[in-house]
Structures are given as C-alpha cells and as structure tokens.
Amino acid sequence: MHPSTTAATGRDRAKAERHDSLLHEAAALFAERGFDGVSLEDIGSSVGITGPAVYRHFPSKRALLGAILRRASERLLTGGRRVLAREAGPRDQLRELIDFHVEFALADAEVIRVQDRDFARLSDDDRHVVRRLQREYVELWTDVLARLHPDRAAADLRVRAHAGFGLINSTPYSVRALRDVPSDDAVHDILSDMAFAALAAH
C-alpha cells in the first residue's frame, strides 16, 4: 500500500473514532445535564478537543443530538429485523426481541434518557426520521404480538408494545441509583422475564 494511502486510512480511522467518541460522550452529558445544560466546549473537552473543533464532525449541537438519536433508532430497527429474520414461533421471537431490547437499554441507558427528555430539541428533519424509524420498530413488535394474540386489535397490540418498552426503558438508568446495585446480568434477567410475562399473557 502506498504511504499516502496508509496515512489517509489512518486519518479516516482516527476521524471515525473521534466521531464515535463525540456521540458517546455527548449522550452521557445530555443524559446528565440535559441538552440546554451542555455546551460545545463541554462536549469537546470530554474527548480532548476544543469546542470549535467539534464543528469538524457536526455542524451544530442540535445536529449532534440528531445523530445520537438517529443512530440509536437505526440500531434498534436493524437489530429487530435481524431477530425476526431467524425462523421461529412467535413466543420465541418475542423472547428474542425482548432480550435484544433489554441488552440495548442496559448498554445505552443514557441515550434512552436523552430521547425521553430532549426529543423535542431535534430539528424537524431529524424528528421526522427518528419517528419513522421508531414506528417501523414498533411494527416489528406488533407483527409478532399479532401472531401470538390473533384475537386482539392492532391498537391493543401497539399499546402492549409501548408498555413493554416503558417497562424495559425506564429501569436501567434509574436502577443505578439503588444502594445495592444488581449486576447487569441480573437486571437483564429480571426485565426480560417481567416483559415476557406481560406481553405473552392473554
């Protein structure tokens, strides 16, 4: 490989790593302080750069928020589709969807907190994209629930899906404030079992 190509590849890799670091650290800061409580200087400092240097990666703080929530929604939809691509009965698929979502919620509790609190801060374009991705993700769940509960109306199934998300999403961030914090594995099993019991019940 030509030295200039190697150098370019190294720069591209470093830029991609800095991009990911900015997304991760910004999500943590937004979760802790809220969108309005965080400056570009705060975000840049968290990854060892100046505030203005953030503009090399994102045109604005709002664009950074949009990238965080878009990526999370894309990951959920892609992961959910991957689960349903494996042939299985609706009970097994529901269990796998729940396990996948619980794993996401435990790994990205900060992102879920940002979604809940700062969704309204998104640009119109980002809000439209995130809502579309999330609707498609909900439909994956309702399709499985429809096969598991063929006698229930679509509106009923959507309420069930959103109730399941509420159970799963609300716990990982808040549970860390407990005096005796359970391990992530223990929290995973508790949430998975409770969500499955609720969603599988007739």
N, C-alpha and C. Protein backbone atom coordinates (compact mmCIF):
# COMPACT_ATOMS: atom_id res chain seq x y z
N MET A 1 0.85 -1.20 0.00
CA MET A 1 0.00 0.00 0.00
C MET A 1 0.88 1.24 0.00
N HIS A 2 0.52 2.23 -0.78
CA HIS A 2 1.28 3.47 -0.87
C HIS A 2 1.23 4.21 0.46
N PRO A 3 2.39 4.82 0.87
CA PRO A 3 2.41 5.52 2.17
C PRO A 3 1.32 6.56 2.32
N SER A 4 1.00 7.31 1.23
CA SER A 4 -0.04 8.33 1.34
C SER A 4 -1.41 7.70 1.58
N THR A 5 -1.62 6.51 0.99
CA THR A 5 -2.88 5.81 1.21
C THR A 5 -2.98 5.33 2.64
N THR A 6 -1.86 4.82 3.17
CA THR A 6 -1.83 4.37 4.56
C THR A 6 -2.13 5.53 5.51
N ALA A 7 -1.51 6.68 5.23
CA ALA A 7 -1.73 7.86 6.08
C ALA A 7 -3.18 8.31 6.01
N ALA A 8 -3.76 8.30 4.80
CA ALA A 8 -5.15 8.69 4.65
C ALA A 8 -6.07 7.75 5.39
N THR A 9 -5.79 6.45 5.30
CA THR A 9 -6.58 5.46 6.02
C THR A 9 -6.50 5.68 7.52
N GLY A 10 -5.30 5.98 8.00
CA GLY A 10 -5.13 6.26 9.43
C GLY A 10 -5.90 7.48 9.86
N ARG A 11 -5.89 8.52 9.04
CA ARG A 11 -6.65 9.74 9.37
C ARG A 11 -8.15 9.46 9.36
N ASP A 12 -8.60 8.69 8.39
CA ASP A 12 -10.03 8.34 8.32
C ASP A 12 -10.45 7.55 9.55
N ARG A 13 -9.59 6.62 9.96
CA ARG A 13 -9.91 5.80 11.14
C ARG A 13 -9.96 6.68 12.39
N ALA A 14 -8.99 7.58 12.51
CA ALA A 14 -8.96 8.46 13.68
C ALA A 14 -10.18 9.37 13.70
N LYS A 15 -10.58 9.86 12.52
CA LYS A 15 -11.76 10.72 12.45
C LYS A 15 -13.02 9.95 12.84
N ALA A 16 -13.13 8.70 12.37
CA ALA A 16 -14.30 7.88 12.71
C ALA A 16 -14.34 7.59 14.20
N GLU A 17 -13.17 7.35 14.79
CA GLU A 17 -13.12 7.07 16.23
C GLU A 17 -13.50 8.32 17.03
N ARG A 18 -13.02 9.50 16.58
CA ARG A 18 -13.38 10.74 17.26
C ARG A 18 -14.87 11.02 17.13
N HIS A 19 -15.42 10.73 15.95
CA HIS A 19 -16.86 10.88 15.70
C HIS A 19 -17.66 10.04 16.68
N ASP A 20 -17.28 8.76 16.83
CA ASP A 20 -17.98 7.87 17.76
C ASP A 20 -17.82 8.33 19.20
N SER A 21 -16.62 8.80 19.54
CA SER A 21 -16.38 9.28 20.91
C SER A 21 -17.26 10.50 21.22
N LEU A 22 -17.40 11.38 20.25
CA LEU A 22 -18.25 12.55 20.45
C LEU A 22 -19.71 12.14 20.68
N LEU A 23 -20.19 11.18 19.91
CA LEU A 23 -21.56 10.70 20.10
C LEU A 23 -21.73 10.11 21.49
N HIS A 24 -20.79 9.29 21.90
CA HIS A 24 -20.88 8.62 23.20
C HIS A 24 -20.83 9.63 24.35
N GLU A 25 -19.86 10.52 24.30
CA GLU A 25 -19.69 11.47 25.40
C GLU A 25 -20.81 12.50 25.43
N ALA A 26 -21.27 12.94 24.26
CA ALA A 26 -22.37 13.89 24.23
C ALA A 26 -23.64 13.26 24.81
N ALA A 27 -23.89 11.99 24.49
CA ALA A 27 -25.06 11.32 25.05
C ALA A 27 -24.99 11.27 26.57
N ALA A 28 -23.80 10.97 27.10
CA ALA A 28 -23.64 10.92 28.56
C ALA A 28 -23.87 12.29 29.18
N LEU A 29 -23.34 13.34 28.55
CA LEU A 29 -23.51 14.70 29.08
C LEU A 29 -24.96 15.16 28.97
N PHE A 30 -25.61 14.89 27.84
CA PHE A 30 -27.02 15.26 27.69
C PHE A 30 -27.88 14.53 28.71
N ALA A 31 -27.57 13.26 28.95
CA ALA A 31 -28.34 12.48 29.93
C ALA A 31 -28.18 13.06 31.32
N GLU A 32 -26.99 13.51 31.64
CA GLU A 32 -26.71 14.02 32.98
C GLU A 32 -27.27 15.43 33.20
N ARG A 33 -27.11 16.31 32.18
CA ARG A 33 -27.41 17.73 32.39
C ARG A 33 -28.56 18.26 31.54
N GLY A 34 -29.00 17.50 30.55
CA GLY A 34 -29.99 17.99 29.62
C GLY A 34 -29.33 18.74 28.47
N PHE A 35 -30.01 18.77 27.33
CA PHE A 35 -29.45 19.38 26.13
C PHE A 35 -29.02 20.82 26.36
N ASP A 36 -29.88 21.60 27.03
CA ASP A 36 -29.58 23.02 27.23
C ASP A 36 -28.49 23.25 28.27
N GLY A 37 -28.19 22.25 29.06
CA GLY A 37 -27.18 22.39 30.10
C GLY A 37 -25.78 22.01 29.66
N VAL A 38 -25.62 21.70 28.39
CA VAL A 38 -24.32 21.25 27.86
C VAL A 38 -23.89 22.17 26.73
N SER A 39 -22.65 22.59 26.74
CA SER A 39 -22.11 23.44 25.68
C SER A 39 -21.21 22.62 24.76
N LEU A 40 -20.91 23.18 23.59
CA LEU A 40 -19.96 22.52 22.70
C LEU A 40 -18.59 22.42 23.34
N GLU A 41 -18.23 23.40 24.18
CA GLU A 41 -16.96 23.33 24.91
C GLU A 41 -16.95 22.12 25.83
N ASP A 42 -18.08 21.86 26.51
CA ASP A 42 -18.18 20.69 27.39
C ASP A 42 -17.97 19.41 26.58
N ILE A 43 -18.63 19.34 25.43
CA ILE A 43 -18.56 18.13 24.60
C ILE A 43 -17.15 17.94 24.05
N GLY A 44 -16.56 19.02 23.52
CA GLY A 44 -15.21 18.91 23.00
C GLY A 44 -14.22 18.51 24.07
N SER A 45 -14.32 19.14 25.24
CA SER A 45 -13.41 18.84 26.34
C SER A 45 -13.48 17.38 26.76
N SER A 46 -14.66 16.79 26.66
CA SER A 46 -14.83 15.39 27.09
C SER A 46 -14.04 14.41 26.22
N VAL A 47 -13.68 14.83 25.01
CA VAL A 47 -12.88 13.96 24.13
C VAL A 47 -11.52 14.57 23.82
N GLY A 48 -11.16 15.64 24.54
CA GLY A 48 -9.82 16.20 24.40
C GLY A 48 -9.63 17.17 23.26
N ILE A 49 -10.71 17.83 22.80
CA ILE A 49 -10.59 18.83 21.75
C ILE A 49 -11.31 20.10 22.20
N THR A 50 -11.15 21.18 21.44
CA THR A 50 -11.84 22.42 21.76
C THR A 50 -13.28 22.37 21.26
N GLY A 51 -14.10 23.27 21.77
CA GLY A 51 -15.48 23.35 21.30
C GLY A 51 -15.58 23.59 19.81
N PRO A 52 -14.86 24.60 19.27
CA PRO A 52 -14.93 24.83 17.82
C PRO A 52 -14.51 23.63 16.97
N ALA A 53 -13.62 22.78 17.52
CA ALA A 53 -13.18 21.61 16.75
C ALA A 53 -14.30 20.60 16.55
N VAL A 54 -15.33 20.68 17.37
CA VAL A 54 -16.48 19.78 17.21
C VAL A 54 -17.14 20.01 15.85
N TYR A 55 -17.05 21.25 15.35
CA TYR A 55 -17.67 21.58 14.06
C TYR A 55 -17.05 20.82 12.89
N ARG A 56 -15.87 20.25 13.08
CA ARG A 56 -15.27 19.43 12.03
C ARG A 56 -16.05 18.13 11.85
N HIS A 57 -16.81 17.76 12.86
CA HIS A 57 -17.56 16.50 12.84
C HIS A 57 -19.07 16.71 12.73
N PHE A 58 -19.58 17.77 13.36
CA PHE A 58 -21.02 18.04 13.37
C PHE A 58 -21.23 19.54 13.20
N PRO A 59 -22.21 19.94 12.38
CA PRO A 59 -22.41 21.37 12.13
C PRO A 59 -22.99 22.14 13.31
N SER A 60 -23.57 21.44 14.29
CA SER A 60 -24.17 22.12 15.43
C SER A 60 -24.40 21.11 16.55
N LYS A 61 -24.71 21.65 17.74
CA LYS A 61 -25.05 20.78 18.87
C LYS A 61 -26.33 20.02 18.57
N ARG A 62 -27.27 20.68 17.90
CA ARG A 62 -28.53 20.02 17.56
C ARG A 62 -28.30 18.88 16.58
N ALA A 63 -27.38 19.07 15.64
CA ALA A 63 -27.06 18.00 14.69
C ALA A 63 -26.43 16.81 15.41
N LEU A 64 -25.65 17.09 16.44
CA LEU A 64 -25.07 16.02 17.24
C LEU A 64 -26.16 15.25 17.97
N LEU A 65 -27.12 15.95 18.54
CA LEU A 65 -28.26 15.28 19.17
C LEU A 65 -29.00 14.42 18.16
N GLY A 66 -29.22 14.96 16.96
CA GLY A 66 -29.90 14.19 15.93
C GLY A 66 -29.15 12.93 15.56
N ALA A 67 -27.82 13.03 15.47
CA ALA A 67 -27.01 11.86 15.12
C ALA A 67 -27.11 10.79 16.20
N ILE A 68 -27.15 11.21 17.46
CA ILE A 68 -27.26 10.25 18.56
C ILE A 68 -28.57 9.47 18.46
N LEU A 69 -29.67 10.18 18.27
CA LEU A 69 -30.98 9.52 18.28
C LEU A 69 -31.27 8.79 16.98
N ARG A 70 -30.75 9.29 15.87
CA ARG A 70 -30.88 8.55 14.61
C ARG A 70 -30.14 7.21 14.71
N ARG A 71 -28.91 7.26 15.18
CA ARG A 71 -28.12 6.03 15.25
C ARG A 71 -28.76 5.01 16.17
N ALA A 72 -29.28 5.47 17.30
CA ALA A 72 -29.94 4.54 18.22
C ALA A 72 -31.16 3.90 17.57
N SER A 73 -31.96 4.70 16.88
CA SER A 73 -33.17 4.18 16.23
C SER A 73 -32.82 3.22 15.11
N GLU A 74 -31.76 3.53 14.36
CA GLU A 74 -31.32 2.64 13.29
C GLU A 74 -30.83 1.32 13.85
N ARG A 75 -30.09 1.38 14.97
CA ARG A 75 -29.60 0.15 15.59
C ARG A 75 -30.74 -0.73 16.07
N LEU A 76 -31.75 -0.12 16.66
CA LEU A 76 -32.91 -0.89 17.13
C LEU A 76 -33.62 -1.57 15.96
N LEU A 77 -33.87 -0.81 14.91
CA LEU A 77 -34.59 -1.37 13.77
C LEU A 77 -33.78 -2.47 13.09
N THR A 78 -32.49 -2.25 12.90
CA THR A 78 -31.65 -3.27 12.28
C THR A 78 -31.58 -4.52 13.14
N GLY A 79 -31.41 -4.34 14.43
CA GLY A 79 -31.34 -5.48 15.34
C GLY A 79 -32.65 -6.23 15.41
N GLY A 80 -33.75 -5.51 15.44
CA GLY A 80 -35.06 -6.16 15.47
C GLY A 80 -35.31 -6.96 14.21
N ARG A 81 -34.94 -6.41 13.06
CA ARG A 81 -35.10 -7.15 11.81
C ARG A 81 -34.23 -8.40 11.79
N ARG A 82 -33.04 -8.30 12.36
CA ARG A 82 -32.15 -9.46 12.40
C ARG A 82 -32.76 -10.56 13.25
N VAL A 83 -33.37 -10.19 14.36
CA VAL A 83 -34.03 -11.19 15.22
C VAL A 83 -35.13 -11.90 14.45
N LEU A 84 -35.97 -11.14 13.74
CA LEU A 84 -37.12 -11.73 13.07
C LEU A 84 -36.75 -12.46 11.78
N ALA A 85 -35.52 -12.26 11.31
CA ALA A 85 -35.08 -12.98 10.11
C ALA A 85 -34.83 -14.45 10.42
N ARG A 86 -34.63 -14.77 11.70
CA ARG A 86 -34.43 -16.16 12.10
C ARG A 86 -35.80 -16.81 12.27
N GLU A 87 -35.99 -17.92 11.63
CA GLU A 87 -37.29 -18.58 11.67
C GLU A 87 -37.55 -19.16 13.06
N ALA A 88 -38.67 -18.79 13.63
CA ALA A 88 -39.05 -19.27 14.96
C ALA A 88 -40.52 -18.94 15.16
N GLY A 89 -41.12 -19.57 16.17
CA GLY A 89 -42.50 -19.27 16.50
C GLY A 89 -42.60 -17.92 17.18
N PRO A 90 -43.81 -17.37 17.28
CA PRO A 90 -43.97 -16.02 17.84
C PRO A 90 -43.51 -15.90 19.29
N ARG A 91 -43.67 -16.94 20.11
CA ARG A 91 -43.21 -16.85 21.50
C ARG A 91 -41.70 -16.73 21.55
N ASP A 92 -41.01 -17.54 20.75
CA ASP A 92 -39.55 -17.47 20.73
C ASP A 92 -39.07 -16.13 20.16
N GLN A 93 -39.74 -15.65 19.12
CA GLN A 93 -39.35 -14.36 18.54
C GLN A 93 -39.59 -13.22 19.52
N LEU A 94 -40.70 -13.29 20.26
CA LEU A 94 -40.96 -12.27 21.26
C LEU A 94 -39.87 -12.28 22.32
N ARG A 95 -39.52 -13.45 22.78
CA ARG A 95 -38.45 -13.56 23.79
C ARG A 95 -37.14 -12.98 23.25
N GLU A 96 -36.81 -13.26 22.00
CA GLU A 96 -35.57 -12.75 21.43
C GLU A 96 -35.63 -11.24 21.24
N LEU A 97 -36.78 -10.72 20.82
CA LEU A 97 -36.92 -9.27 20.70
C LEU A 97 -36.74 -8.59 22.06
N ILE A 98 -37.34 -9.17 23.07
CA ILE A 98 -37.22 -8.61 24.42
C ILE A 98 -35.77 -8.65 24.88
N ASP A 99 -35.10 -9.78 24.71
CA ASP A 99 -33.70 -9.89 25.12
C ASP A 99 -32.84 -8.86 24.40
N PHE A 100 -33.08 -8.70 23.10
CA PHE A 100 -32.33 -7.72 22.33
C PHE A 100 -32.57 -6.31 22.86
N HIS A 101 -33.82 -5.97 23.11
CA HIS A 101 -34.14 -4.61 23.56
C HIS A 101 -33.58 -4.35 24.96
N VAL A 102 -33.64 -5.35 25.83
CA VAL A 102 -33.08 -5.19 27.17
C VAL A 102 -31.58 -4.95 27.09
N GLU A 103 -30.91 -5.70 26.23
CA GLU A 103 -29.46 -5.50 26.07
C GLU A 103 -29.16 -4.08 25.60
N PHE A 104 -29.96 -3.59 24.65
CA PHE A 104 -29.79 -2.22 24.18
C PHE A 104 -30.01 -1.23 25.32
N ALA A 105 -31.08 -1.43 26.09
CA ALA A 105 -31.42 -0.50 27.17
C ALA A 105 -30.33 -0.46 28.23
N LEU A 106 -29.73 -1.59 28.52
CA LEU A 106 -28.66 -1.63 29.51
C LEU A 106 -27.39 -0.96 28.98
N ALA A 107 -27.10 -1.17 27.71
CA ALA A 107 -25.88 -0.61 27.14
C ALA A 107 -26.02 0.88 26.84
N ASP A 108 -27.24 1.33 26.55
CA ASP A 108 -27.46 2.71 26.10
C ASP A 108 -28.52 3.41 26.94
N ALA A 109 -28.44 3.23 28.24
CA ALA A 109 -29.42 3.87 29.13
C ALA A 109 -29.38 5.38 28.99
N GLU A 110 -28.18 5.95 28.77
CA GLU A 110 -28.08 7.40 28.62
C GLU A 110 -28.83 7.89 27.38
N VAL A 111 -28.72 7.12 26.29
CA VAL A 111 -29.40 7.51 25.05
C VAL A 111 -30.91 7.50 25.24
N ILE A 112 -31.42 6.52 25.95
CA ILE A 112 -32.86 6.46 26.21
C ILE A 112 -33.29 7.65 27.05
N ARG A 113 -32.49 8.04 28.01
CA ARG A 113 -32.81 9.21 28.84
C ARG A 113 -32.83 10.48 27.98
N VAL A 114 -31.88 10.59 27.06
CA VAL A 114 -31.83 11.74 26.16
C VAL A 114 -33.07 11.76 25.27
N GLN A 115 -33.44 10.61 24.74
CA GLN A 115 -34.65 10.50 23.90
C GLN A 115 -35.87 10.97 24.67
N ASP A 116 -36.02 10.52 25.90
CA ASP A 116 -37.20 10.87 26.69
C ASP A 116 -37.25 12.37 27.00
N ARG A 117 -36.09 12.97 27.26
CA ARG A 117 -36.09 14.36 27.74
C ARG A 117 -35.89 15.40 26.64
N ASP A 118 -35.11 15.06 25.61
CA ASP A 118 -34.69 16.08 24.65
C ASP A 118 -35.16 15.84 23.22
N PHE A 119 -36.09 14.91 23.04
CA PHE A 119 -36.58 14.63 21.69
C PHE A 119 -37.11 15.90 21.01
N ALA A 120 -37.77 16.75 21.76
CA ALA A 120 -38.35 17.97 21.19
C ALA A 120 -37.29 18.94 20.69
N ARG A 121 -36.04 18.76 21.10
CA ARG A 121 -34.95 19.64 20.67
C ARG A 121 -34.42 19.27 19.28
N LEU A 122 -34.86 18.16 18.74
CA LEU A 122 -34.39 17.75 17.42
C LEU A 122 -34.85 18.73 16.34
N SER A 123 -34.09 18.79 15.25
CA SER A 123 -34.56 19.53 14.08
C SER A 123 -35.77 18.81 13.50
N ASP A 124 -36.53 19.51 12.67
CA ASP A 124 -37.72 18.89 12.07
C ASP A 124 -37.33 17.66 11.25
N ASP A 125 -36.26 17.75 10.49
CA ASP A 125 -35.84 16.62 9.66
C ASP A 125 -35.45 15.42 10.51
N ASP A 126 -34.64 15.66 11.54
CA ASP A 126 -34.22 14.54 12.40
C ASP A 126 -35.41 13.95 13.15
N ARG A 127 -36.33 14.81 13.60
CA ARG A 127 -37.51 14.31 14.31
C ARG A 127 -38.34 13.41 13.40
N HIS A 128 -38.49 13.80 12.15
CA HIS A 128 -39.25 13.01 11.19
C HIS A 128 -38.59 11.65 10.98
N VAL A 129 -37.27 11.64 10.80
CA VAL A 129 -36.55 10.38 10.55
C VAL A 129 -36.63 9.47 11.76
N VAL A 130 -36.39 10.02 12.94
CA VAL A 130 -36.41 9.20 14.15
C VAL A 130 -37.80 8.61 14.38
N ARG A 131 -38.83 9.41 14.19
CA ARG A 131 -40.20 8.90 14.37
C ARG A 131 -40.50 7.78 13.37
N ARG A 132 -40.06 7.95 12.13
CA ARG A 132 -40.30 6.90 11.13
C ARG A 132 -39.59 5.61 11.51
N LEU A 133 -38.34 5.71 11.91
CA LEU A 133 -37.59 4.52 12.30
C LEU A 133 -38.24 3.84 13.51
N GLN A 134 -38.70 4.64 14.44
CA GLN A 134 -39.30 4.07 15.64
C GLN A 134 -40.65 3.43 15.34
N ARG A 135 -41.43 4.03 14.44
CA ARG A 135 -42.70 3.40 14.04
C ARG A 135 -42.44 2.04 13.40
N GLU A 136 -41.42 1.96 12.55
CA GLU A 136 -41.10 0.68 11.91
C GLU A 136 -40.66 -0.36 12.93
N TYR A 137 -39.94 0.10 13.95
CA TYR A 137 -39.51 -0.82 15.01
C TYR A 137 -40.72 -1.32 15.80
N VAL A 138 -41.64 -0.43 16.13
CA VAL A 138 -42.85 -0.84 16.84
C VAL A 138 -43.64 -1.86 16.02
N GLU A 139 -43.69 -1.66 14.71
CA GLU A 139 -44.43 -2.60 13.86
C GLU A 139 -43.82 -3.99 13.89
N LEU A 140 -42.50 -4.09 14.04
CA LEU A 140 -41.89 -5.42 14.19
C LEU A 140 -42.48 -6.14 15.40
N TRP A 141 -42.60 -5.41 16.49
CA TRP A 141 -43.14 -5.99 17.71
C TRP A 141 -44.62 -6.33 17.56
N THR A 142 -45.39 -5.42 16.97
CA THR A 142 -46.82 -5.69 16.85
C THR A 142 -47.09 -6.84 15.89
N ASP A 143 -46.24 -7.03 14.88
CA ASP A 143 -46.42 -8.17 13.98
C ASP A 143 -46.25 -9.48 14.74
N VAL A 144 -45.24 -9.54 15.61
CA VAL A 144 -45.04 -10.74 16.42
C VAL A 144 -46.19 -10.93 17.40
N LEU A 145 -46.60 -9.84 18.05
CA LEU A 145 -47.70 -9.93 19.01
C LEU A 145 -49.01 -10.33 18.32
N ALA A 146 -49.19 -9.90 17.07
CA ALA A 146 -50.41 -10.27 16.33
C ALA A 146 -50.46 -11.76 16.07
N ARG A 147 -49.33 -12.38 15.85
CA ARG A 147 -49.32 -13.84 15.65
C ARG A 147 -49.49 -14.58 16.97
N LEU A 148 -49.05 -13.93 18.04
CA LEU A 148 -49.19 -14.55 19.36
C LEU A 148 -50.60 -14.35 19.91
N HIS A 149 -51.23 -13.21 19.58
CA HIS A 149 -52.57 -12.87 20.07
C HIS A 149 -53.45 -12.50 18.87
N PRO A 150 -53.81 -13.46 18.03
CA PRO A 150 -54.54 -13.14 16.79
C PRO A 150 -55.93 -12.56 17.02
N ASP A 151 -56.46 -12.67 18.24
CA ASP A 151 -57.79 -12.16 18.52
C ASP A 151 -57.78 -10.70 18.96
N ARG A 152 -56.62 -10.08 19.09
CA ARG A 152 -56.55 -8.71 19.61
C ARG A 152 -56.39 -7.71 18.47
N ALA A 153 -56.97 -6.54 18.66
CA ALA A 153 -56.92 -5.48 17.66
C ALA A 153 -55.52 -4.88 17.57
N ALA A 154 -55.22 -4.27 16.43
CA ALA A 154 -53.89 -3.68 16.22
C ALA A 154 -53.59 -2.59 17.25
N ALA A 155 -54.59 -1.78 17.59
CA ALA A 155 -54.38 -0.72 18.58
C ALA A 155 -54.02 -1.31 19.94
N ASP A 156 -54.67 -2.41 20.30
CA ASP A 156 -54.37 -3.11 21.55
C ASP A 156 -52.92 -3.56 21.56
N LEU A 157 -52.46 -4.12 20.44
CA LEU A 157 -51.11 -4.65 20.36
C LEU A 157 -50.06 -3.53 20.44
N ARG A 158 -50.36 -2.38 19.85
CA ARG A 158 -49.43 -1.26 19.93
C ARG A 158 -49.30 -0.76 21.36
N VAL A 159 -50.43 -0.72 22.08
CA VAL A 159 -50.38 -0.33 23.49
C VAL A 159 -49.51 -1.31 24.27
N ARG A 160 -49.67 -2.60 23.99
CA ARG A 160 -48.85 -3.60 24.66
C ARG A 160 -47.37 -3.40 24.36
N ALA A 161 -47.05 -3.16 23.08
CA ALA A 161 -45.65 -2.97 22.70
C ALA A 161 -45.06 -1.77 23.44
N HIS A 162 -45.79 -0.65 23.45
CA HIS A 162 -45.28 0.55 24.12
C HIS A 162 -45.17 0.35 25.63
N ALA A 163 -46.08 -0.42 26.20
CA ALA A 163 -45.99 -0.73 27.62
C ALA A 163 -44.74 -1.55 27.91
N GLY A 164 -44.43 -2.47 27.01
CA GLY A 164 -43.21 -3.26 27.17
C GLY A 164 -41.97 -2.38 27.10
N PHE A 165 -41.96 -1.44 26.15
CA PHE A 165 -40.82 -0.52 26.05
C PHE A 165 -40.69 0.31 27.33
N GLY A 166 -41.85 0.75 27.85
CA GLY A 166 -41.81 1.56 29.06
C GLY A 166 -41.19 0.81 30.22
N LEU A 167 -41.57 -0.45 30.38
CA LEU A 167 -41.01 -1.28 31.45
C LEU A 167 -39.51 -1.42 31.29
N ILE A 168 -39.09 -1.74 30.07
CA ILE A 168 -37.68 -2.00 29.83
C ILE A 168 -36.85 -0.72 29.88
N ASN A 169 -37.33 0.33 29.24
CA ASN A 169 -36.52 1.53 29.08
C ASN A 169 -36.35 2.33 30.37
N SER A 170 -37.35 2.28 31.24
CA SER A 170 -37.33 3.15 32.41
C SER A 170 -36.42 2.65 33.51
N THR A 171 -36.02 1.39 33.47
CA THR A 171 -35.34 0.79 34.61
C THR A 171 -33.82 0.93 34.61
N PRO A 172 -33.09 0.65 33.51
CA PRO A 172 -31.63 0.60 33.60
C PRO A 172 -30.97 1.87 34.12
N TYR A 173 -31.45 3.05 33.74
CA TYR A 173 -30.82 4.28 34.21
C TYR A 173 -31.12 4.52 35.69
N SER A 174 -32.38 4.33 36.09
CA SER A 174 -32.76 4.62 37.47
C SER A 174 -32.22 3.59 38.45
N VAL A 175 -32.04 2.35 38.02
CA VAL A 175 -31.62 1.31 38.94
C VAL A 175 -30.19 1.54 39.43
N ARG A 176 -29.42 2.30 38.68
CA ARG A 176 -28.03 2.55 39.07
C ARG A 176 -27.93 3.44 40.30
N ALA A 177 -29.02 4.07 40.67
CA ALA A 177 -29.03 4.90 41.87
C ALA A 177 -29.35 4.10 43.13
N LEU A 178 -29.68 2.82 42.97
CA LEU A 178 -30.00 1.99 44.13
C LEU A 178 -28.76 1.76 44.99
N ARG A 179 -28.99 1.55 46.28
CA ARG A 179 -27.87 1.31 47.19
C ARG A 179 -27.15 0.01 46.84
N ASP A 180 -27.91 -1.05 46.66
CA ASP A 180 -27.33 -2.34 46.28
C ASP A 180 -27.64 -2.58 44.81
N VAL A 181 -26.74 -2.13 43.95
CA VAL A 181 -26.99 -2.19 42.51
C VAL A 181 -26.80 -3.62 42.01
N PRO A 182 -27.84 -4.23 41.42
CA PRO A 182 -27.68 -5.57 40.86
C PRO A 182 -26.74 -5.53 39.65
N SER A 183 -26.18 -6.67 39.32
CA SER A 183 -25.37 -6.74 38.12
C SER A 183 -26.24 -6.54 36.89
N ASP A 184 -25.61 -6.16 35.78
CA ASP A 184 -26.37 -6.00 34.53
C ASP A 184 -27.03 -7.32 34.14
N ASP A 185 -26.35 -8.44 34.39
CA ASP A 185 -26.94 -9.75 34.05
C ASP A 185 -28.21 -10.00 34.85
N ALA A 186 -28.17 -9.63 36.13
CA ALA A 186 -29.35 -9.83 36.97
C ALA A 186 -30.49 -8.92 36.53
N VAL A 187 -30.17 -7.66 36.23
CA VAL A 187 -31.19 -6.72 35.76
C VAL A 187 -31.76 -7.20 34.42
N HIS A 188 -30.90 -7.69 33.55
CA HIS A 188 -31.34 -8.22 32.25
C HIS A 188 -32.38 -9.31 32.44
N ASP A 189 -32.07 -10.27 33.31
CA ASP A 189 -32.97 -11.40 33.50
C ASP A 189 -34.29 -10.96 34.12
N ILE A 190 -34.23 -10.03 35.08
CA ILE A 190 -35.46 -9.54 35.71
C ILE A 190 -36.35 -8.84 34.69
N LEU A 191 -35.76 -7.92 33.92
CA LEU A 191 -36.54 -7.17 32.94
C LEU A 191 -37.08 -8.07 31.84
N SER A 192 -36.25 -9.01 31.36
CA SER A 192 -36.69 -9.91 30.30
C SER A 192 -37.85 -10.76 30.75
N ASP A 193 -37.74 -11.32 31.95
CA ASP A 193 -38.81 -12.19 32.46
C ASP A 193 -40.10 -11.41 32.67
N MET A 194 -39.98 -10.20 33.24
CA MET A 194 -41.19 -9.41 33.50
C MET A 194 -41.86 -8.96 32.20
N ALA A 195 -41.05 -8.50 31.24
CA ALA A 195 -41.62 -8.05 29.97
C ALA A 195 -42.27 -9.21 29.22
N PHE A 196 -41.63 -10.36 29.22
CA PHE A 196 -42.20 -11.51 28.52
C PHE A 196 -43.49 -11.95 29.17
N ALA A 197 -43.51 -11.99 30.51
CA ALA A 197 -44.73 -12.39 31.22
C ALA A 197 -45.90 -11.44 30.87
N ALA A 198 -45.59 -10.14 30.80
CA ALA A 198 -46.66 -9.18 30.50
C ALA A 198 -47.13 -9.26 29.07
N LEU A 199 -46.19 -9.38 28.11
CA LEU A 199 -46.56 -9.32 26.70
C LEU A 199 -47.09 -10.65 26.18
N ALA A 200 -46.69 -11.75 26.78
CA ALA A 200 -47.17 -13.05 26.33
C ALA A 200 -48.50 -13.42 26.94
N ALA A 201 -48.85 -12.74 28.03
CA ALA A 201 -50.09 -13.09 28.72
C ALA A 201 -51.32 -12.76 27.88
N HIS A 202 -52.32 -13.64 27.97
CA HIS A 202 -53.57 -13.40 27.26
C HIS A 202 -54.51 -12.57 28.12
